[in-house]
Amino acid sequence: MLAHDGARYQLAASQPDEIVRLVHGTLTVHVDPLGRGERFRVITGDAEVEVVGTAFDVTAQDDRLRQVRVTHGDVKVTAAGAAPEFLGSGQTW
């Protein structure tokens, strides 16, 4: 995981259900394919991004999800009050 200048985040839980809590800024994340029962999520105050073997950028501002850009693989974005959205390589939320 690469934190860009000024990113504020913390590791909230470790494997098998790893959670990174992003408050502000951008993280570039690369996750190797996960095993059965393993999860990796980036959460903000209003959303959750869950991955299974992928690379992506996630940006938050003032504890709100602003952008997700998938480099390769797939992610599931669940914003507060909205249905989950699935993104593939090259897609942006």
N, C-alpha and C. Protein backbone atom coordinates (compact mmCIF):
# COMPACT_ATOMS: atom_id res chain seq x y z
N MET A 1 0.85 -1.17 0.00
CA MET A 1 0.00 0.00 0.00
C MET A 1 0.89 1.23 0.00
N LEU A 2 0.56 2.18 -0.84
CA LEU A 2 1.30 3.43 -0.94
C LEU A 2 0.38 4.57 -0.55
N ALA A 3 0.76 5.31 0.48
CA ALA A 3 0.00 6.49 0.91
C ALA A 3 0.60 7.71 0.23
N HIS A 4 -0.24 8.46 -0.47
CA HIS A 4 0.21 9.68 -1.13
C HIS A 4 0.28 10.81 -0.10
N ASP A 5 1.01 11.87 -0.41
CA ASP A 5 1.24 12.98 0.52
C ASP A 5 -0.04 13.40 1.25
N GLY A 6 0.05 13.44 2.56
CA GLY A 6 -1.05 13.94 3.37
C GLY A 6 -2.16 12.93 3.64
N ALA A 7 -2.04 11.71 3.16
CA ALA A 7 -3.10 10.71 3.40
C ALA A 7 -3.17 10.39 4.89
N ARG A 8 -4.39 10.36 5.41
CA ARG A 8 -4.61 9.99 6.81
C ARG A 8 -5.41 8.70 6.83
N TYR A 9 -4.81 7.65 7.41
CA TYR A 9 -5.44 6.34 7.44
C TYR A 9 -4.86 5.53 8.59
N GLN A 10 -5.50 4.41 8.89
CA GLN A 10 -4.96 3.49 9.89
C GLN A 10 -5.41 2.08 9.56
N LEU A 11 -4.62 1.11 9.99
CA LEU A 11 -4.99 -0.28 9.86
C LEU A 11 -5.93 -0.59 11.01
N ALA A 12 -7.21 -0.84 10.69
CA ALA A 12 -8.23 -1.06 11.72
C ALA A 12 -8.35 -2.52 12.11
N ALA A 13 -8.02 -3.43 11.20
CA ALA A 13 -8.06 -4.87 11.50
C ALA A 13 -7.12 -5.57 10.54
N SER A 14 -6.57 -6.70 10.99
CA SER A 14 -5.65 -7.46 10.14
C SER A 14 -6.35 -8.71 9.61
N GLN A 15 -5.63 -9.47 8.77
CA GLN A 15 -6.21 -10.67 8.16
C GLN A 15 -6.69 -11.62 9.25
N PRO A 16 -7.75 -12.35 9.00
CA PRO A 16 -8.29 -12.66 7.68
C PRO A 16 -9.27 -11.63 7.14
N ASP A 17 -9.66 -10.62 7.93
CA ASP A 17 -10.58 -9.57 7.47
C ASP A 17 -9.88 -8.23 7.65
N GLU A 18 -8.94 -7.95 6.74
CA GLU A 18 -8.12 -6.74 6.85
C GLU A 18 -8.94 -5.52 6.47
N ILE A 19 -8.88 -4.49 7.35
CA ILE A 19 -9.61 -3.25 7.12
C ILE A 19 -8.66 -2.08 7.27
N VAL A 20 -8.64 -1.22 6.25
CA VAL A 20 -7.89 0.03 6.30
C VAL A 20 -8.92 1.15 6.38
N ARG A 21 -8.81 2.00 7.38
CA ARG A 21 -9.73 3.11 7.60
C ARG A 21 -9.10 4.36 7.01
N LEU A 22 -9.65 4.85 5.88
CA LEU A 22 -9.13 6.04 5.19
C LEU A 22 -9.99 7.24 5.54
N VAL A 23 -9.35 8.28 6.08
CA VAL A 23 -10.06 9.49 6.47
C VAL A 23 -9.89 10.58 5.41
N HIS A 24 -8.67 10.69 4.88
CA HIS A 24 -8.41 11.78 3.93
C HIS A 24 -7.21 11.42 3.06
N GLY A 25 -7.29 11.76 1.78
CA GLY A 25 -6.17 11.56 0.88
C GLY A 25 -6.35 10.33 0.00
N THR A 26 -5.25 9.93 -0.65
CA THR A 26 -5.30 8.83 -1.62
C THR A 26 -4.33 7.73 -1.22
N LEU A 27 -4.82 6.50 -1.33
CA LEU A 27 -3.99 5.31 -1.14
C LEU A 27 -3.98 4.54 -2.45
N THR A 28 -2.82 4.03 -2.84
CA THR A 28 -2.72 3.09 -3.95
C THR A 28 -2.53 1.73 -3.31
N VAL A 29 -3.41 0.80 -3.64
CA VAL A 29 -3.45 -0.50 -2.97
C VAL A 29 -3.28 -1.60 -4.00
N HIS A 30 -2.42 -2.57 -3.69
CA HIS A 30 -2.28 -3.78 -4.50
C HIS A 30 -2.53 -4.96 -3.57
N VAL A 31 -3.52 -5.78 -3.89
CA VAL A 31 -3.87 -6.92 -3.06
C VAL A 31 -3.68 -8.19 -3.88
N ASP A 32 -2.84 -9.08 -3.39
CA ASP A 32 -2.69 -10.39 -4.04
C ASP A 32 -4.00 -11.15 -3.89
N PRO A 33 -4.24 -12.11 -4.77
CA PRO A 33 -5.47 -12.90 -4.65
C PRO A 33 -5.62 -13.46 -3.23
N LEU A 34 -6.82 -13.33 -2.70
CA LEU A 34 -7.10 -13.75 -1.33
C LEU A 34 -7.57 -15.19 -1.29
N GLY A 35 -7.32 -15.82 -0.16
CA GLY A 35 -7.77 -17.20 0.04
C GLY A 35 -9.20 -17.24 0.54
N ARG A 36 -9.73 -18.42 0.61
CA ARG A 36 -11.10 -18.60 1.09
C ARG A 36 -11.24 -18.03 2.50
N GLY A 37 -12.25 -17.22 2.71
CA GLY A 37 -12.51 -16.63 4.02
C GLY A 37 -11.72 -15.37 4.31
N GLU A 38 -10.85 -14.95 3.40
CA GLU A 38 -10.08 -13.72 3.60
C GLU A 38 -10.80 -12.56 2.92
N ARG A 39 -10.66 -11.37 3.53
CA ARG A 39 -11.24 -10.16 2.96
C ARG A 39 -10.24 -9.02 3.10
N PHE A 40 -10.34 -8.04 2.21
CA PHE A 40 -9.57 -6.81 2.32
C PHE A 40 -10.51 -5.68 1.96
N ARG A 41 -10.63 -4.70 2.88
CA ARG A 41 -11.55 -3.59 2.66
C ARG A 41 -10.89 -2.28 3.04
N VAL A 42 -11.24 -1.22 2.29
CA VAL A 42 -10.90 0.14 2.66
C VAL A 42 -12.24 0.80 2.98
N ILE A 43 -12.34 1.39 4.18
CA ILE A 43 -13.59 2.03 4.56
C ILE A 43 -13.37 3.50 4.84
N THR A 44 -14.41 4.29 4.55
CA THR A 44 -14.46 5.70 4.91
C THR A 44 -15.70 5.87 5.78
N GLY A 45 -16.00 7.09 6.18
CA GLY A 45 -17.17 7.33 7.01
C GLY A 45 -18.47 6.99 6.32
N ASP A 46 -18.47 6.95 4.98
CA ASP A 46 -19.72 6.74 4.26
C ASP A 46 -19.69 5.62 3.23
N ALA A 47 -18.61 4.84 3.15
CA ALA A 47 -18.54 3.83 2.09
C ALA A 47 -17.53 2.74 2.44
N GLU A 48 -17.58 1.68 1.63
CA GLU A 48 -16.66 0.55 1.77
C GLU A 48 -16.25 0.08 0.39
N VAL A 49 -14.95 -0.17 0.21
CA VAL A 49 -14.42 -0.72 -1.04
C VAL A 49 -13.82 -2.07 -0.69
N GLU A 50 -14.35 -3.14 -1.28
CA GLU A 50 -13.87 -4.49 -1.00
C GLU A 50 -13.25 -5.08 -2.25
N VAL A 51 -12.13 -5.77 -2.08
CA VAL A 51 -11.39 -6.30 -3.23
C VAL A 51 -11.10 -7.78 -3.07
N VAL A 52 -10.81 -8.39 -4.22
CA VAL A 52 -10.32 -9.77 -4.25
C VAL A 52 -9.25 -9.83 -5.34
N GLY A 53 -7.98 -9.65 -4.98
CA GLY A 53 -6.88 -9.72 -5.94
C GLY A 53 -6.93 -8.62 -6.97
N THR A 54 -6.46 -7.45 -6.65
CA THR A 54 -6.58 -6.30 -7.54
C THR A 54 -5.58 -5.21 -7.18
N ALA A 55 -5.55 -4.19 -8.01
CA ALA A 55 -4.79 -2.97 -7.71
C ALA A 55 -5.72 -1.80 -8.00
N PHE A 56 -5.76 -0.84 -7.09
CA PHE A 56 -6.67 0.29 -7.26
C PHE A 56 -6.19 1.49 -6.45
N ASP A 57 -6.71 2.67 -6.80
CA ASP A 57 -6.52 3.89 -6.03
C ASP A 57 -7.85 4.23 -5.38
N VAL A 58 -7.81 4.68 -4.15
CA VAL A 58 -9.02 5.11 -3.45
C VAL A 58 -8.73 6.46 -2.82
N THR A 59 -9.66 7.42 -2.99
CA THR A 59 -9.48 8.78 -2.48
C THR A 59 -10.66 9.17 -1.60
N ALA A 60 -10.35 9.76 -0.45
CA ALA A 60 -11.37 10.28 0.45
C ALA A 60 -11.06 11.73 0.77
N GLN A 61 -12.09 12.47 1.10
CA GLN A 61 -11.93 13.85 1.54
C GLN A 61 -12.87 14.07 2.70
N ASP A 62 -12.34 14.51 3.82
CA ASP A 62 -13.14 14.76 5.01
C ASP A 62 -14.00 13.55 5.37
N ASP A 63 -13.40 12.37 5.33
CA ASP A 63 -14.03 11.11 5.72
C ASP A 63 -15.17 10.69 4.80
N ARG A 64 -15.15 11.13 3.55
CA ARG A 64 -16.15 10.74 2.56
C ARG A 64 -15.44 10.23 1.32
N LEU A 65 -15.93 9.11 0.79
CA LEU A 65 -15.34 8.53 -0.41
C LEU A 65 -15.55 9.46 -1.58
N ARG A 66 -14.48 9.76 -2.31
CA ARG A 66 -14.56 10.66 -3.46
C ARG A 66 -14.30 9.95 -4.78
N GLN A 67 -13.38 8.96 -4.80
CA GLN A 67 -13.07 8.30 -6.07
C GLN A 67 -12.43 6.95 -5.82
N VAL A 68 -12.74 6.01 -6.72
CA VAL A 68 -12.08 4.72 -6.77
C VAL A 68 -11.70 4.50 -8.23
N ARG A 69 -10.43 4.16 -8.48
CA ARG A 69 -9.97 3.87 -9.85
C ARG A 69 -9.29 2.51 -9.83
N VAL A 70 -9.81 1.58 -10.64
CA VAL A 70 -9.30 0.21 -10.66
C VAL A 70 -8.23 0.09 -11.75
N THR A 71 -7.01 -0.29 -11.36
CA THR A 71 -5.93 -0.51 -12.31
C THR A 71 -6.09 -1.87 -12.97
N HIS A 72 -6.31 -2.90 -12.17
CA HIS A 72 -6.63 -4.22 -12.70
C HIS A 72 -7.38 -5.00 -11.64
N GLY A 73 -8.15 -5.98 -12.08
CA GLY A 73 -8.96 -6.77 -11.16
C GLY A 73 -10.35 -6.19 -11.00
N ASP A 74 -10.98 -6.51 -9.88
CA ASP A 74 -12.36 -6.09 -9.60
C ASP A 74 -12.48 -5.61 -8.17
N VAL A 75 -13.36 -4.63 -7.97
CA VAL A 75 -13.69 -4.15 -6.62
C VAL A 75 -15.20 -4.00 -6.52
N LYS A 76 -15.68 -4.01 -5.28
CA LYS A 76 -17.08 -3.74 -4.99
C LYS A 76 -17.13 -2.49 -4.14
N VAL A 77 -17.85 -1.46 -4.59
CA VAL A 77 -17.99 -0.20 -3.86
C VAL A 77 -19.40 -0.14 -3.31
N THR A 78 -19.51 0.03 -1.99
CA THR A 78 -20.81 0.16 -1.36
C THR A 78 -20.85 1.50 -0.62
N ALA A 79 -21.53 2.47 -1.21
CA ALA A 79 -21.69 3.79 -0.59
C ALA A 79 -22.93 3.76 0.29
N ALA A 80 -22.93 4.59 1.34
CA ALA A 80 -24.07 4.64 2.26
C ALA A 80 -25.36 4.90 1.50
N GLY A 81 -26.36 4.08 1.77
CA GLY A 81 -27.67 4.27 1.17
C GLY A 81 -27.79 3.86 -0.28
N ALA A 82 -26.75 3.23 -0.84
CA ALA A 82 -26.78 2.85 -2.26
C ALA A 82 -26.51 1.36 -2.41
N ALA A 83 -26.95 0.83 -3.54
CA ALA A 83 -26.67 -0.57 -3.84
C ALA A 83 -25.19 -0.72 -4.20
N PRO A 84 -24.59 -1.88 -3.94
CA PRO A 84 -23.19 -2.10 -4.31
C PRO A 84 -22.98 -1.92 -5.82
N GLU A 85 -21.82 -1.37 -6.16
CA GLU A 85 -21.43 -1.23 -7.56
C GLU A 85 -20.15 -2.02 -7.77
N PHE A 86 -20.10 -2.79 -8.86
CA PHE A 86 -18.92 -3.57 -9.18
C PHE A 86 -18.15 -2.89 -10.29
N LEU A 87 -16.84 -2.71 -10.07
CA LEU A 87 -15.97 -2.05 -11.04
C LEU A 87 -14.89 -3.02 -11.48
N GLY A 88 -14.55 -2.97 -12.77
CA GLY A 88 -13.47 -3.78 -13.31
C GLY A 88 -12.31 -2.92 -13.74
N SER A 89 -11.31 -3.54 -14.32
CA SER A 89 -10.10 -2.86 -14.79
C SER A 89 -10.44 -1.64 -15.63
N GLY A 90 -9.80 -0.51 -15.31
CA GLY A 90 -9.96 0.71 -16.07
C GLY A 90 -11.20 1.52 -15.70
N GLN A 91 -12.03 1.02 -14.81
CA GLN A 91 -13.24 1.74 -14.45
C GLN A 91 -13.01 2.63 -13.23
N THR A 92 -13.83 3.67 -13.14
CA THR A 92 -13.74 4.66 -12.06
C THR A 92 -15.12 4.87 -11.45
N TRP A 93 -15.14 5.04 -10.13
CA TRP A 93 -16.36 5.40 -9.41
C TRP A 93 -16.18 6.79 -8.91
